[in-house]
Amino acid sequence: MALIEIPNGYNSGTPAGDGGRGRFALTGEPIVAVDLINTVAAPGSPAEDDLLSADPGAEIWWRIQSARVPRADMPDIRALRRLRSALREMIEALVDNRPVPRASVSDLNFFMQSTPVSTRLQVTGAGLRADTHWHREFGGNPRLAFIATQAAAFLADPAQVSRLRRCANPACSMIFIAVNSRRSWCAPGVCGNRVRVARHHRRAGGV
């Protein structure tokens, strides 16, 4: 797990040199879908809180994820944000123990079906190798289909879903997968420190 920061100037139209800082997002969670939903603070957030509100921010995010997704053209940003919205709604519902919206499930199924996958056997100098083949002829994008397919396998497993957590910082909306059951923060060096500092100030002020 790591934190990235995309300057506000890439997304909000604010000049990068105006002193405004970008928004942090988690990367390196066990599935790419959780990295994706953490690129926005919460549903309905203003554009400056959305790392994918403009193409340059999306390009940076895809470069960071490049080793984890199939090699393919960068998908349309509107499709990426539609997938993110479906994933966020589903994961939020599961974390809150609410019914999962059927429309979000339909959207996820759409992305999986838009680029079907099959296995192809290749002959190499070292012997046979099985390769994953994404069928682009159906018009979908392999990167989006991969994220949706990986997320579906995770979300259909109750043991995996039980590891989804919200950051313990009330001011943070990030969600993570608690590989370590003792993990409470999206990033101890950021939210963990902020909460501890705030707690110290309250105690020092007698609050």
Protein backbone atom coordinates (compact mmCIF):
# COMPACT_ATOMS: atom_id res chain seq x y z
CA MET A 1 0.00 0.00 0.00
CA ALA A 2 1.22 3.49 -0.82
CA LEU A 3 -0.14 7.00 -1.12
CA ILE A 4 -0.07 9.11 -4.26
CA GLU A 5 -0.87 12.78 -4.72
CA ILE A 6 -2.13 14.34 -7.94
CA PRO A 7 -1.78 18.15 -7.98
CA ASN A 8 -5.04 20.09 -8.08
CA GLY A 9 -3.89 21.78 -11.27
CA TYR A 10 -4.25 18.53 -13.22
CA ASN A 11 -7.94 18.26 -12.47
CA SER A 12 -9.57 21.42 -11.19
CA GLY A 13 -8.15 24.00 -13.58
CA THR A 14 -6.22 25.57 -10.71
CA PRO A 15 -2.63 26.47 -11.62
CA ALA A 16 -0.28 23.90 -10.10
CA GLY A 17 1.96 26.58 -8.71
CA ASP A 18 -0.71 28.36 -6.66
CA GLY A 19 0.26 26.51 -3.50
CA GLY A 20 -2.80 24.29 -3.51
CA ARG A 21 -2.08 20.66 -2.84
CA GLY A 22 -3.69 17.73 -4.58
CA ARG A 23 -5.66 14.98 -2.97
CA PHE A 24 -4.06 11.79 -1.72
CA ALA A 25 -5.28 8.38 -2.81
CA LEU A 26 -4.37 4.85 -1.83
CA THR A 27 -2.64 2.55 -4.28
CA GLY A 28 -1.46 -1.03 -3.99
CA GLU A 29 -4.57 -2.48 -2.35
CA PRO A 30 -5.03 -6.23 -3.11
CA ILE A 31 -7.50 -5.49 -5.92
CA VAL A 32 -7.35 -2.55 -8.32
CA ALA A 33 -11.04 -1.77 -7.74
CA VAL A 34 -10.31 -0.48 -4.23
CA ASP A 35 -7.54 1.75 -5.57
CA LEU A 36 -10.05 3.04 -8.12
CA ILE A 37 -12.84 3.93 -5.66
CA ASN A 38 -10.35 5.85 -3.52
CA THR A 39 -9.68 8.33 -6.33
CA VAL A 40 -12.74 10.28 -5.19
CA ALA A 41 -13.46 11.45 -1.66
CA ALA A 42 -17.09 10.32 -1.72
CA PRO A 43 -20.00 10.15 -4.18
CA GLY A 44 -20.93 13.66 -5.29
CA SER A 45 -17.62 15.24 -4.27
CA PRO A 46 -16.62 18.47 -6.04
CA ALA A 47 -14.27 18.14 -9.00
CA GLU A 48 -11.17 19.20 -7.08
CA ASP A 49 -11.64 16.18 -4.82
CA ASP A 50 -11.80 13.84 -7.81
CA LEU A 51 -8.48 12.60 -9.15
CA LEU A 52 -10.20 11.42 -12.32
CA SER A 53 -12.10 14.60 -13.16
CA ALA A 54 -9.81 15.26 -16.14
CA ASP A 55 -7.71 13.19 -18.53
CA PRO A 56 -4.27 14.17 -17.13
CA GLY A 57 -5.18 12.88 -13.68
CA ALA A 58 -6.49 9.64 -15.18
CA GLU A 59 -3.28 9.23 -17.21
CA ILE A 60 -1.21 9.49 -14.03
CA TRP A 61 -3.41 6.94 -12.27
CA TRP A 62 -3.15 4.49 -15.17
CA ARG A 63 0.65 4.83 -15.23
CA ILE A 64 0.74 3.91 -11.55
CA GLN A 65 -1.51 0.89 -12.19
CA SER A 66 0.18 -0.20 -15.45
CA ALA A 67 1.88 -3.28 -13.99
CA ARG A 68 -1.40 -4.55 -12.54
CA VAL A 69 -3.73 -4.29 -15.54
CA PRO A 70 -3.63 -5.66 -19.12
CA ARG A 71 -1.75 -3.73 -21.78
CA ALA A 72 -4.37 -1.76 -23.69
CA ASP A 73 -5.38 1.72 -24.76
CA MET A 74 -6.43 4.07 -21.98
CA PRO A 75 -10.24 3.84 -21.74
CA ASP A 76 -12.58 6.77 -22.06
CA ILE A 77 -12.61 8.68 -18.78
CA ARG A 78 -16.42 8.63 -18.67
CA ALA A 79 -16.41 4.83 -18.81
CA LEU A 80 -13.75 4.71 -16.09
CA ARG A 81 -15.80 6.95 -13.83
CA ARG A 82 -18.96 4.91 -14.52
CA LEU A 83 -17.13 1.75 -13.42
CA ARG A 84 -15.80 3.54 -10.36
CA SER A 85 -19.28 4.71 -9.40
CA ALA A 86 -20.69 1.18 -9.64
CA LEU A 87 -17.83 -0.24 -7.59
CA ARG A 88 -18.06 2.50 -4.97
CA GLU A 89 -21.81 1.97 -4.54
CA MET A 90 -21.39 -1.79 -4.19
CA ILE A 91 -18.45 -1.65 -1.81
CA GLU A 92 -20.01 1.09 0.33
CA ALA A 93 -23.17 -1.01 0.63
CA LEU A 94 -21.20 -4.10 1.66
CA VAL A 95 -19.13 -2.19 4.22
CA ASP A 96 -22.33 -0.66 5.67
CA ASN A 97 -24.17 -4.01 5.59
CA ARG A 98 -26.82 -2.62 3.23
CA PRO A 99 -28.37 -4.29 0.16
CA VAL A 100 -26.14 -3.95 -2.89
CA PRO A 101 -27.81 -1.78 -5.58
CA ARG A 102 -28.93 -3.97 -8.47
CA ALA A 103 -28.10 -1.22 -10.98
CA SER A 104 -24.48 -1.22 -9.81
CA VAL A 105 -24.31 -5.00 -10.23
CA SER A 106 -25.69 -4.62 -13.76
CA ASP A 107 -23.04 -2.02 -14.56
CA LEU A 108 -20.29 -4.30 -13.29
CA ASN A 109 -21.65 -7.17 -15.38
CA PHE A 110 -21.73 -4.87 -18.41
CA PHE A 111 -18.02 -4.10 -18.09
CA MET A 112 -17.13 -7.77 -17.69
CA GLN A 113 -19.22 -8.79 -20.70
CA SER A 114 -17.91 -5.97 -22.91
CA THR A 115 -14.50 -7.65 -23.21
CA PRO A 116 -14.82 -11.43 -22.78
CA VAL A 117 -11.70 -13.34 -21.82
CA SER A 118 -10.36 -16.71 -22.93
CA THR A 119 -7.18 -18.70 -22.41
CA ARG A 120 -4.88 -19.43 -25.35
CA LEU A 121 -2.02 -21.89 -25.38
CA GLN A 122 1.24 -20.64 -26.89
CA VAL A 123 4.26 -22.67 -27.99
CA THR A 124 7.52 -21.14 -26.74
CA GLY A 125 11.15 -22.19 -26.72
CA ALA A 126 10.72 -23.25 -23.11
CA GLY A 127 7.55 -25.23 -23.76
CA LEU A 128 3.85 -24.41 -23.59
CA ARG A 129 2.50 -21.23 -22.00
CA ALA A 130 -1.11 -20.30 -21.23
CA ASP A 131 -1.92 -16.67 -22.02
CA THR A 132 -5.01 -14.67 -21.17
CA HIS A 133 -6.68 -13.21 -24.25
CA TRP A 134 -9.06 -10.26 -23.98
CA HIS A 135 -11.53 -10.10 -26.87
CA ARG A 136 -11.36 -6.46 -27.93
CA GLU A 137 -13.47 -7.19 -31.00
CA PHE A 138 -16.57 -6.76 -28.81
CA GLY A 139 -15.76 -3.08 -28.33
CA GLY A 140 -14.91 -3.03 -24.63
CA ASN A 141 -11.67 -2.09 -22.93
CA PRO A 142 -9.51 -4.86 -21.39
CA ARG A 143 -8.40 -2.67 -18.50
CA LEU A 144 -11.94 -1.93 -17.38
CA ALA A 145 -13.00 -5.54 -17.94
CA PHE A 146 -10.06 -6.77 -15.87
CA ILE A 147 -10.86 -4.46 -12.95
CA ALA A 148 -14.53 -5.48 -13.05
CA THR A 149 -13.73 -9.20 -13.28
CA GLN A 150 -11.18 -9.06 -10.47
CA ALA A 151 -13.65 -7.11 -8.31
CA ALA A 152 -16.48 -9.57 -9.00
CA ALA A 153 -14.38 -12.51 -7.81
CA PHE A 154 -13.46 -10.61 -4.64
CA LEU A 155 -16.96 -9.31 -3.86
CA ALA A 156 -18.53 -12.75 -4.33
CA ASP A 157 -16.33 -14.16 -1.57
CA PRO A 158 -17.78 -13.39 1.92
CA ALA A 159 -14.41 -14.02 3.59
CA GLN A 160 -12.80 -11.37 1.39
CA VAL A 161 -15.66 -8.90 1.80
CA SER A 162 -15.35 -9.16 5.58
CA ARG A 163 -11.89 -7.59 5.29
CA LEU A 164 -13.19 -4.35 3.77
CA ARG A 165 -12.79 -1.43 6.19
CA ARG A 166 -13.39 2.30 6.35
CA CYS A 167 -10.52 4.43 7.58
CA ALA A 168 -10.89 5.06 11.32
CA ASN A 169 -10.39 8.79 10.74
CA PRO A 170 -13.96 10.24 10.72
CA ALA A 171 -12.86 12.92 8.24
CA CYS A 172 -11.57 10.34 5.73
CA SER A 173 -13.74 8.41 3.27
CA MET A 174 -11.11 5.95 2.05
CA ILE A 175 -11.79 2.22 2.12
CA PHE A 176 -9.13 -0.46 2.37
CA ILE A 177 -8.74 -4.23 2.61
CA ALA A 178 -7.49 -5.25 6.05
CA VAL A 179 -4.94 -7.93 5.18
CA ASN A 180 -3.67 -7.25 8.70
CA SER A 181 -6.69 -7.38 11.03
CA ARG A 182 -5.10 -4.72 13.28
CA ARG A 183 -5.02 -2.11 10.52
CA SER A 184 -7.34 0.82 11.32
CA TRP A 185 -6.14 3.63 9.07
CA CYS A 186 -5.91 4.08 5.32
CA ALA A 187 -2.33 5.18 6.01
CA PRO A 188 -0.95 5.37 9.57
CA GLY A 189 1.47 8.13 8.58
CA VAL A 190 -1.36 10.35 7.36
CA CYS A 191 -4.75 9.67 8.95
CA GLY A 192 -3.27 7.87 11.96
CA ASN A 193 -1.04 10.82 12.75
CA ARG A 194 -3.83 13.35 12.19
CA VAL A 195 -6.16 11.62 14.63
CA ARG A 196 -3.42 11.24 17.24
CA VAL A 197 -2.46 14.93 16.93
CA ALA A 198 -6.11 16.02 17.21
CA ARG A 199 -6.55 13.80 20.27
CA HIS A 200 -3.44 15.31 21.86
CA HIS A 201 -4.69 18.87 21.28
CA ARG A 202 -8.07 18.05 22.81
CA ARG A 203 -6.42 16.61 25.91
CA ALA A 204 -4.00 19.53 26.19
CA GLY A 205 -6.90 21.97 25.92
CA GLY A 206 -8.98 20.09 28.47
CA VAL A 207 -11.62 19.22 25.88
